[in-house]
PDB file of N, CA and C in Angstrom:
ATOM      1  N   MET A   1     102.730  19.063 150.324  1.00  0.00           N
ATOM      2  CA  MET A   1     103.160  19.607 151.592  1.00  0.00           C
ATOM      3  C   MET A   1     101.931  20.100 152.355  1.00  0.00           C
ATOM      4  N   LYS A   2     101.853  19.747 153.628  1.00  0.00           N
ATOM      5  CA  LYS A   2     100.717  20.136 154.458  1.00  0.00           C
ATOM      6  C   LYS A   2     100.826  21.605 154.867  1.00  0.00           C
ATOM      7  N   GLN A   3      99.672  22.188 155.235  1.00  0.00           N
ATOM      8  CA  GLN A   3      99.637  23.596 155.624  1.00  0.00           C
ATOM      9  C   GLN A   3     100.594  23.894 156.772  1.00  0.00           C
ATOM     10  N   GLU A   4     100.633  23.020 157.768  1.00  0.00           N
ATOM     11  CA  GLU A   4     101.517  23.235 158.916  1.00  0.00           C
ATOM     12  C   GLU A   4     102.976  23.248 158.490  1.00  0.00           C
ATOM     13  N   GLU A   5     103.328  22.376 157.544  1.00  0.00           N
ATOM     14  CA  GLU A   5     104.699  22.317 157.048  1.00  0.00           C
ATOM     15  C   GLU A   5     105.051  23.591 156.285  1.00  0.00           C
ATOM     16  N   ILE A   6     104.113  24.093 155.489  1.00  0.00           N
ATOM     17  CA  ILE A   6     104.340  25.326 154.733  1.00  0.00           C
ATOM     18  C   ILE A   6     104.552  26.492 155.694  1.00  0.00           C
ATOM     19  N   ILE A   7     103.695  26.610 156.698  1.00  0.00           N
ATOM     20  CA  ILE A   7     103.811  27.701 157.664  1.00  0.00           C
ATOM     21  C   ILE A   7     105.142  27.606 158.413  1.00  0.00           C
ATOM     22  N   SER A   8     105.507  26.416 158.826  1.00  0.00           N
ATOM     23  CA  SER A   8     106.778  26.215 159.533  1.00  0.00           C
ATOM     24  C   SER A   8     107.963  26.602 158.660  1.00  0.00           C
ATOM     25  N   LYS A   9     107.922  26.195 157.402  1.00  0.00           N
ATOM     26  CA  LYS A   9     109.006  26.516 156.469  1.00  0.00           C
ATOM     27  C   LYS A   9     109.096  28.026 156.230  1.00  0.00           C
ATOM     28  N   ILE A  10     107.957  28.679 156.073  1.00  0.00           N
ATOM     29  CA  ILE A  10     107.947  30.134 155.889  1.00  0.00           C
ATOM     30  C   ILE A  10     108.563  30.802 157.116  1.00  0.00           C
ATOM     31  N   ASN A  11     108.119  30.416 158.304  1.00  0.00           N
ATOM     32  CA  ASN A  11     108.636  31.019 159.528  1.00  0.00           C
ATOM     33  C   ASN A  11     110.140  30.811 159.670  1.00  0.00           C
ATOM     34  N   GLU A  12     110.614  29.623 159.335  1.00  0.00           N
ATOM     35  CA  GLU A  12     112.046  29.336 159.429  1.00  0.00           C
ATOM     36  C   GLU A  12     112.867  30.280 158.563  1.00  0.00           C
ATOM     37  N   PHE A  13     112.478  30.463 157.298  1.00  0.00           N
ATOM     38  CA  PHE A  13     113.291  31.327 156.456  1.00  0.00           C
ATOM     39  C   PHE A  13     113.117  32.800 156.803  1.00  0.00           C
ATOM     40  N   LEU A  14     111.949  33.191 157.330  1.00  0.00           N
ATOM     41  CA  LEU A  14     111.784  34.583 157.758  1.00  0.00           C
ATOM     42  C   LEU A  14     112.694  34.891 158.940  1.00  0.00           C
ATOM     43  N   ILE A  15     112.768  33.967 159.885  1.00  0.00           N
ATOM     44  CA  ILE A  15     113.634  34.141 161.054  1.00  0.00           C
ATOM     45  C   ILE A  15     115.084  34.245 160.613  1.00  0.00           C
ATOM     46  N   GLU A  16     115.479  33.371 159.695  1.00  0.00           N
ATOM     47  CA  GLU A  16     116.874  33.353 159.233  1.00  0.00           C
ATOM     48  C   GLU A  16     117.207  34.553 158.348  1.00  0.00           C
ATOM     49  N   GLU A  17     116.393  34.816 157.354  1.00  0.00           N
ATOM     50  CA  GLU A  17     116.698  35.859 156.366  1.00  0.00           C
ATOM     51  C   GLU A  17     116.512  37.276 156.904  1.00  0.00           C
ATOM     52  N   PHE A  18     115.507  37.476 157.723  1.00  0.00           N
ATOM     53  CA  PHE A  18     115.187  38.829 158.181  1.00  0.00           C
ATOM     54  C   PHE A  18     115.534  39.056 159.650  1.00  0.00           C
ATOM     55  N   GLU A  19     116.190  38.052 160.254  1.00  0.00           N
ATOM     56  CA  GLU A  19     116.696  38.154 161.616  1.00  0.00           C
ATOM     57  C   GLU A  19     115.647  38.687 162.588  1.00  0.00           C
ATOM     58  N   VAL A  20     114.476  38.077 162.531  1.00  0.00           N
ATOM     59  CA  VAL A  20     113.381  38.446 163.427  1.00  0.00           C
ATOM     60  C   VAL A  20     113.231  37.347 164.477  1.00  0.00           C
ATOM     61  N   GLU A  21     112.861  37.747 165.680  1.00  0.00           N
ATOM     62  CA  GLU A  21     112.645  36.776 166.747  1.00  0.00           C
ATOM     63  C   GLU A  21     111.381  35.978 166.462  1.00  0.00           C
ATOM     64  N   GLU A  22     111.467  34.697 166.718  1.00  0.00           N
ATOM     65  CA  GLU A  22     110.326  33.810 166.460  1.00  0.00           C
ATOM     66  C   GLU A  22     109.083  34.257 167.229  1.00  0.00           C
ATOM     67  N   THR A  23     109.268  34.802 168.407  1.00  0.00           N
ATOM     68  CA  THR A  23     108.140  35.230 169.234  1.00  0.00           C
ATOM     69  C   THR A  23     107.368  36.394 168.624  1.00  0.00           C
ATOM     70  N   LYS A  24     107.974  37.124 167.700  1.00  0.00           N
ATOM     71  CA  LYS A  24     107.307  38.260 167.058  1.00  0.00           C
ATOM     72  C   LYS A  24     106.428  37.831 165.886  1.00  0.00           C
ATOM     73  N   ILE A  25     106.611  36.594 165.432  1.00  0.00           N
ATOM     74  CA  ILE A  25     105.835  36.094 164.299  1.00  0.00           C
ATOM     75  C   ILE A  25     104.563  35.439 164.802  1.00  0.00           C
ATOM     76  N   SER A  26     103.429  36.022 164.435  1.00  0.00           N
ATOM     77  CA  SER A  26     102.128  35.436 164.750  1.00  0.00           C
ATOM     78  C   SER A  26     101.205  35.729 163.569  1.00  0.00           C
ATOM     79  N   PRO A  27     100.175  34.916 163.386  1.00  0.00           N
ATOM     80  CA  PRO A  27      99.312  35.091 162.205  1.00  0.00           C
ATOM     81  C   PRO A  27      98.748  36.494 162.029  1.00  0.00           C
ATOM     82  N   GLU A  28      98.395  37.160 163.115  1.00  0.00           N
ATOM     83  CA  GLU A  28      97.775  38.478 163.000  1.00  0.00           C
ATOM     84  C   GLU A  28      98.774  39.635 162.976  1.00  0.00           C
ATOM     85  N   ALA A  29     100.043  39.363 163.184  1.00  0.00           N
ATOM     86  CA  ALA A  29     101.059  40.425 163.204  1.00  0.00           C
ATOM     87  C   ALA A  29     101.245  41.023 161.809  1.00  0.00           C
ATOM     88  N   PRO A  30     101.486  42.332 161.743  1.00  0.00           N
ATOM     89  CA  PRO A  30     101.723  42.970 160.445  1.00  0.00           C
ATOM     90  C   PRO A  30     103.093  42.583 159.879  1.00  0.00           C
ATOM     91  N   LEU A  31     103.084  42.073 158.670  1.00  0.00           N
ATOM     92  CA  LEU A  31     104.298  41.560 158.034  1.00  0.00           C
ATOM     93  C   LEU A  31     105.359  42.644 157.861  1.00  0.00           C
ATOM     94  N   LYS A  32     104.982  43.743 157.247  1.00  0.00           N
ATOM     95  CA  LYS A  32     105.948  44.805 156.921  1.00  0.00           C
ATOM     96  C   LYS A  32     106.619  45.370 158.170  1.00  0.00           C
ATOM     97  N   GLU A  33     105.833  45.683 159.183  1.00  0.00           N
ATOM     98  CA  GLU A  33     106.378  46.284 160.393  1.00  0.00           C
ATOM     99  C   GLU A  33     107.203  45.285 161.205  1.00  0.00           C
ATOM    100  N   THR A  34     106.720  44.061 161.309  1.00  0.00           N
ATOM    101  CA  THR A  34     107.407  43.048 162.107  1.00  0.00           C
ATOM    102  C   THR A  34     108.776  42.717 161.512  1.00  0.00           C
ATOM    103  N   LEU A  35     108.829  42.588 160.189  1.00  0.00           N
ATOM    104  CA  LEU A  35     110.095  42.249 159.526  1.00  0.00           C
ATOM    105  C   LEU A  35     110.906  43.475 159.127  1.00  0.00           C
ATOM    106  N   GLU A  36     110.328  44.663 159.345  1.00  0.00           N
ATOM    107  CA  GLU A  36     110.967  45.926 158.961  1.00  0.00           C
ATOM    108  C   GLU A  36     111.375  45.900 157.485  1.00  0.00           C
ATOM    109  N   LEU A  37     110.404  45.582 156.630  1.00  0.00           N
ATOM    110  CA  LEU A  37     110.657  45.418 155.202  1.00  0.00           C
ATOM    111  C   LEU A  37     110.704  46.754 154.472  1.00  0.00           C
ATOM    112  N   ASP A  38     111.692  46.888 153.582  1.00  0.00           N
ATOM    113  CA  ASP A  38     111.686  47.990 152.626  1.00  0.00           C
ATOM    114  C   ASP A  38     111.469  47.374 151.249  1.00  0.00           C
ATOM    115  N   SER A  39     111.505  48.167 150.204  1.00  0.00           N
ATOM    116  CA  SER A  39     111.183  47.650 148.869  1.00  0.00           C
ATOM    117  C   SER A  39     112.152  46.551 148.414  1.00  0.00           C
ATOM    118  N   LEU A  40     113.422  46.672 148.750  1.00  0.00           N
ATOM    119  CA  LEU A  40     114.383  45.625 148.376  1.00  0.00           C
ATOM    120  C   LEU A  40     114.137  44.338 149.152  1.00  0.00           C
ATOM    121  N   ASP A  41     113.718  44.475 150.404  1.00  0.00           N
ATOM    122  CA  ASP A  41     113.400  43.291 151.201  1.00  0.00           C
ATOM    123  C   ASP A  41     112.218  42.534 150.604  1.00  0.00           C
ATOM    124  N   TYR A  42     111.252  43.273 150.066  1.00  0.00           N
ATOM    125  CA  TYR A  42     110.109  42.619 149.416  1.00  0.00           C
ATOM    126  C   TYR A  42     110.572  41.786 148.225  1.00  0.00           C
ATOM    127  N   VAL A  43     111.525  42.311 147.465  1.00  0.00           N
ATOM    128  CA  VAL A  43     112.080  41.568 146.330  1.00  0.00           C
ATOM    129  C   VAL A  43     112.744  40.296 146.842  1.00  0.00           C
ATOM    130  N   ASP A  44     113.531  40.412 147.909  1.00  0.00           N
ATOM    131  CA  ASP A  44     114.172  39.230 148.498  1.00  0.00           C
ATOM    132  C   ASP A  44     113.133  38.213 148.949  1.00  0.00           C
ATOM    133  N   LEU A  45     112.068  38.694 149.579  1.00  0.00           N
ATOM    134  CA  LEU A  45     111.019  37.812 150.061  1.00  0.00           C
ATOM    135  C   LEU A  45     110.352  37.066 148.907  1.00  0.00           C
ATOM    136  N   VAL A  46     110.083  37.761 147.828  1.00  0.00           N
ATOM    137  CA  VAL A  46     109.469  37.134 146.654  1.00  0.00           C
ATOM    138  C   VAL A  46     110.392  36.060 146.079  1.00  0.00           C
ATOM    139  N   VAL A  47     111.664  36.369 145.959  1.00  0.00           N
ATOM    140  CA  VAL A  47     112.637  35.402 145.420  1.00  0.00           C
ATOM    141  C   VAL A  47     112.705  34.162 146.310  1.00  0.00           C
ATOM    142  N   ILE A  48     112.709  34.379 147.618  1.00  0.00           N
ATOM    143  CA  ILE A  48     112.752  33.257 148.559  1.00  0.00           C
ATOM    144  C   ILE A  48     111.496  32.396 148.435  1.00  0.00           C
ATOM    145  N   LEU A  49     110.338  33.038 148.362  1.00  0.00           N
ATOM    146  CA  LEU A  49     109.082  32.281 148.223  1.00  0.00           C
ATOM    147  C   LEU A  49     109.071  31.475 146.941  1.00  0.00           C
ATOM    148  N   GLU A  50     109.466  32.105 145.852  1.00  0.00           N
ATOM    149  CA  GLU A  50     109.469  31.407 144.560  1.00  0.00           C
ATOM    150  C   GLU A  50     110.452  30.241 144.575  1.00  0.00           C
ATOM    151  N   GLY A  51     111.610  30.432 145.166  1.00  0.00           N
ATOM    152  CA  GLY A  51     112.616  29.377 145.209  1.00  0.00           C
ATOM    153  C   GLY A  51     112.246  28.221 146.123  1.00  0.00           C
ATOM    154  N   ASN A  52     111.646  28.528 147.254  1.00  0.00           N
ATOM    155  CA  ASN A  52     111.323  27.490 148.234  1.00  0.00           C
ATOM    156  C   ASN A  52     110.049  26.728 147.922  1.00  0.00           C
ATOM    157  N   PHE A  53     109.121  27.368 147.239  1.00  0.00           N
ATOM    158  CA  PHE A  53     107.818  26.736 147.036  1.00  0.00           C
ATOM    159  C   PHE A  53     107.478  26.502 145.569  1.00  0.00           C
ATOM    160  N   GLY A  54     108.340  26.906 144.655  1.00  0.00           N
ATOM    161  CA  GLY A  54     108.095  26.672 143.240  1.00  0.00           C
ATOM    162  C   GLY A  54     106.863  27.385 142.716  1.00  0.00           C
ATOM    163  N   ILE A  55     106.594  28.567 143.270  1.00  0.00           N
ATOM    164  CA  ILE A  55     105.429  29.336 142.844  1.00  0.00           C
ATOM    165  C   ILE A  55     105.892  30.611 142.148  1.00  0.00           C
ATOM    166  N   LYS A  56     104.999  31.228 141.409  1.00  0.00           N
ATOM    167  CA  LYS A  56     105.270  32.511 140.768  1.00  0.00           C
ATOM    168  C   LYS A  56     104.455  33.567 141.503  1.00  0.00           C
ATOM    169  N   VAL A  57     105.146  34.567 142.047  1.00  0.00           N
ATOM    170  CA  VAL A  57     104.492  35.622 142.817  1.00  0.00           C
ATOM    171  C   VAL A  57     104.367  36.859 141.940  1.00  0.00           C
ATOM    172  N   LYS A  58     103.122  37.313 141.770  1.00  0.00           N
ATOM    173  CA  LYS A  58     102.877  38.531 141.005  1.00  0.00           C
ATOM    174  C   LYS A  58     102.860  39.716 141.954  1.00  0.00           C
ATOM    175  N   GLN A  59     103.403  40.830 141.500  1.00  0.00           N
ATOM    176  CA  GLN A  59     103.473  42.020 142.342  1.00  0.00           C
ATOM    177  C   GLN A  59     102.091  42.451 142.824  1.00  0.00           C
ATOM    178  N   GLU A  60     101.113  42.421 141.928  1.00  0.00           N
ATOM    179  CA  GLU A  60      99.771  42.866 142.307  1.00  0.00           C
ATOM    180  C   GLU A  60      99.134  41.953 143.358  1.00  0.00           C
ATOM    181  N   ASP A  61      99.499  40.665 143.359  1.00  0.00           N
ATOM    182  CA  ASP A  61      98.996  39.750 144.380  1.00  0.00           C
ATOM    183  C   ASP A  61      99.577  40.099 145.741  1.00  0.00           C
ATOM    184  N   PHE A  62     100.815  40.501 145.739  1.00  0.00           N
ATOM    185  CA  PHE A  62     101.538  40.725 146.988  1.00  0.00           C
ATOM    186  C   PHE A  62     101.068  41.975 147.726  1.00  0.00           C
ATOM    187  N   THR A  63     100.429  42.897 147.028  1.00  0.00           N
ATOM    188  CA  THR A  63      99.975  44.123 147.688  1.00  0.00           C
ATOM    189  C   THR A  63      98.891  43.855 148.728  1.00  0.00           C
ATOM    190  N   GLY A  64      98.183  42.762 148.619  1.00  0.00           N
ATOM    191  CA  GLY A  64      97.134  42.421 149.576  1.00  0.00           C
ATOM    192  C   GLY A  64      97.630  41.649 150.787  1.00  0.00           C
ATOM    193  N   ILE A  65      98.917  41.383 150.834  1.00  0.00           N
ATOM    194  CA  ILE A  65      99.476  40.619 151.951  1.00  0.00           C
ATOM    195  C   ILE A  65      99.898  41.592 153.045  1.00  0.00           C
ATOM    196  N   ILE A  66      99.087  41.648 154.094  1.00  0.00           N
ATOM    197  CA  ILE A  66      99.320  42.593 155.189  1.00  0.00           C
ATOM    198  C   ILE A  66      99.860  41.878 156.431  1.00  0.00           C
ATOM    199  N   THR A  67      99.280  40.721 156.741  1.00  0.00           N
ATOM    200  CA  THR A  67      99.673  39.985 157.947  1.00  0.00           C
ATOM    201  C   THR A  67     100.396  38.691 157.566  1.00  0.00           C
ATOM    202  N   PHE A  68     100.975  38.058 158.571  1.00  0.00           N
ATOM    203  CA  PHE A  68     101.609  36.763 158.325  1.00  0.00           C
ATOM    204  C   PHE A  68     100.577  35.751 157.843  1.00  0.00           C
ATOM    205  N   GLN A  69      99.356  35.819 158.375  1.00  0.00           N
ATOM    206  CA  GLN A  69      98.305  34.896 157.933  1.00  0.00           C
ATOM    207  C   GLN A  69      97.996  35.094 156.452  1.00  0.00           C
ATOM    208  N   ASN A  70      97.979  36.345 155.992  1.00  0.00           N
ATOM    209  CA  ASN A  70      97.782  36.618 154.559  1.00  0.00           C
ATOM    210  C   ASN A  70      98.872  35.939 153.749  1.00  0.00           C
ATOM    211  N   LEU A  71     100.109  36.017 154.234  1.00  0.00           N
ATOM    212  CA  LEU A  71     101.241  35.395 153.542  1.00  0.00           C
ATOM    213  C   LEU A  71     101.079  33.878 153.514  1.00  0.00           C
ATOM    214  N   TYR A  72     100.743  33.293 154.664  1.00  0.00           N
ATOM    215  CA  TYR A  72     100.544  31.841 154.717  1.00  0.00           C
ATOM    216  C   TYR A  72      99.453  31.410 153.741  1.00  0.00           C
ATOM    217  N   ASP A  73      98.323  32.105 153.783  1.00  0.00           N
ATOM    218  CA  ASP A  73      97.198  31.756 152.908  1.00  0.00           C
ATOM    219  C   ASP A  73      97.582  31.864 151.438  1.00  0.00           C
ATOM    220  N   TYR A  74      98.324  32.905 151.111  1.00  0.00           N
ATOM    221  CA  TYR A  74      98.742  33.118 149.725  1.00  0.00           C
ATOM    222  C   TYR A  74      99.635  31.969 149.244  1.00  0.00           C
ATOM    223  N   VAL A  75     100.649  31.641 150.032  1.00  0.00           N
ATOM    224  CA  VAL A  75     101.584  30.583 149.636  1.00  0.00           C
ATOM    225  C   VAL A  75     100.869  29.236 149.582  1.00  0.00           C
ATOM    226  N   ILE A  76     100.014  28.957 150.547  1.00  0.00           N
ATOM    227  CA  ILE A  76      99.271  27.692 150.548  1.00  0.00           C
ATOM    228  C   ILE A  76      98.384  27.606 149.308  1.00  0.00           C
ATOM    229  N   GLY A  77      97.677  28.694 148.996  1.00  0.00           N
ATOM    230  CA  GLY A  77      96.826  28.717 147.807  1.00  0.00           C
ATOM    231  C   GLY A  77      97.609  28.529 146.521  1.00  0.00           C
ATOM    232  N   LYS A  78      98.735  29.232 146.401  1.00  0.00           N
ATOM    233  CA  LYS A  78      99.565  29.113 145.198  1.00  0.00           C
ATOM    234  C   LYS A  78     100.173  27.716 145.091  1.00  0.00           C
ATOM    235  N   SER A  79     100.571  27.142 146.216  1.00  0.00           N
ATOM    236  CA  SER A  79     101.150  25.797 146.210  1.00  0.00           C
ATOM    237  C   SER A  79     100.131  24.774 145.744  1.00  0.00           C
ATOM    238  N   GLN A  80      98.883  24.934 146.176  1.00  0.00           N
ATOM    239  CA  GLN A  80      97.827  24.018 145.758  1.00  0.00           C
ATOM    240  C   GLN A  80      97.529  24.173 144.270  1.00  0.00           C
ATOM    241  N   GLN A  81      97.583  25.407 143.759  1.00  0.00           N
ATOM    242  CA  GLN A  81      97.373  25.638 142.324  1.00  0.00           C
ATOM    243  C   GLN A  81      98.465  24.963 141.508  1.00  0.00           C
ATOM    244  N   THR A  82      99.699  25.030 142.004  1.00  0.00           N
ATOM    245  CA  THR A  82     100.840  24.421 141.308  1.00  0.00           C
ATOM    246  C   THR A  82     100.644  22.924 141.200  1.00  0.00           C
ATOM    247  N   ILE A  83     100.134  22.304 142.273  1.00  0.00           N
ATOM    248  CA  ILE A  83      99.909  20.863 142.282  1.00  0.00           C
ATOM    249  C   ILE A  83      98.830  20.503 141.268  1.00  0.00           C
ATOM    250  N   VAL A  84      97.761  21.304 141.203  1.00  0.00           N
ATOM    251  CA  VAL A  84      96.640  21.055 140.297  1.00  0.00           C
ATOM    252  C   VAL A  84      97.080  21.236 138.849  1.00  0.00           C
ATOM    253  N   ASN A  85      97.865  22.279 138.594  1.00  0.00           N
ATOM    254  CA  ASN A  85      98.285  22.566 137.223  1.00  0.00           C
ATOM    255  C   ASN A  85      99.414  21.715 136.875  1.00  0.00           C
TER     256      ASN A  85
END
């Protein structure tokens, strides 16, 4: 899957699952504030990422994800590792 496809897929499920306007999603926007995430929402987000991309998300990895770009980079990196392994 290409980077653009991954980003598009992430944005689609964020819009649907967290009922956020597409215009509010931009690479530099803060993930937590934009999606109004609480701790349970983070669990939902991890489950969605793992289910949609076949990756394993570690809690300690997720603490460094501040912006949407951080999220995109993380998923793209993990997806590439999955292909290699």
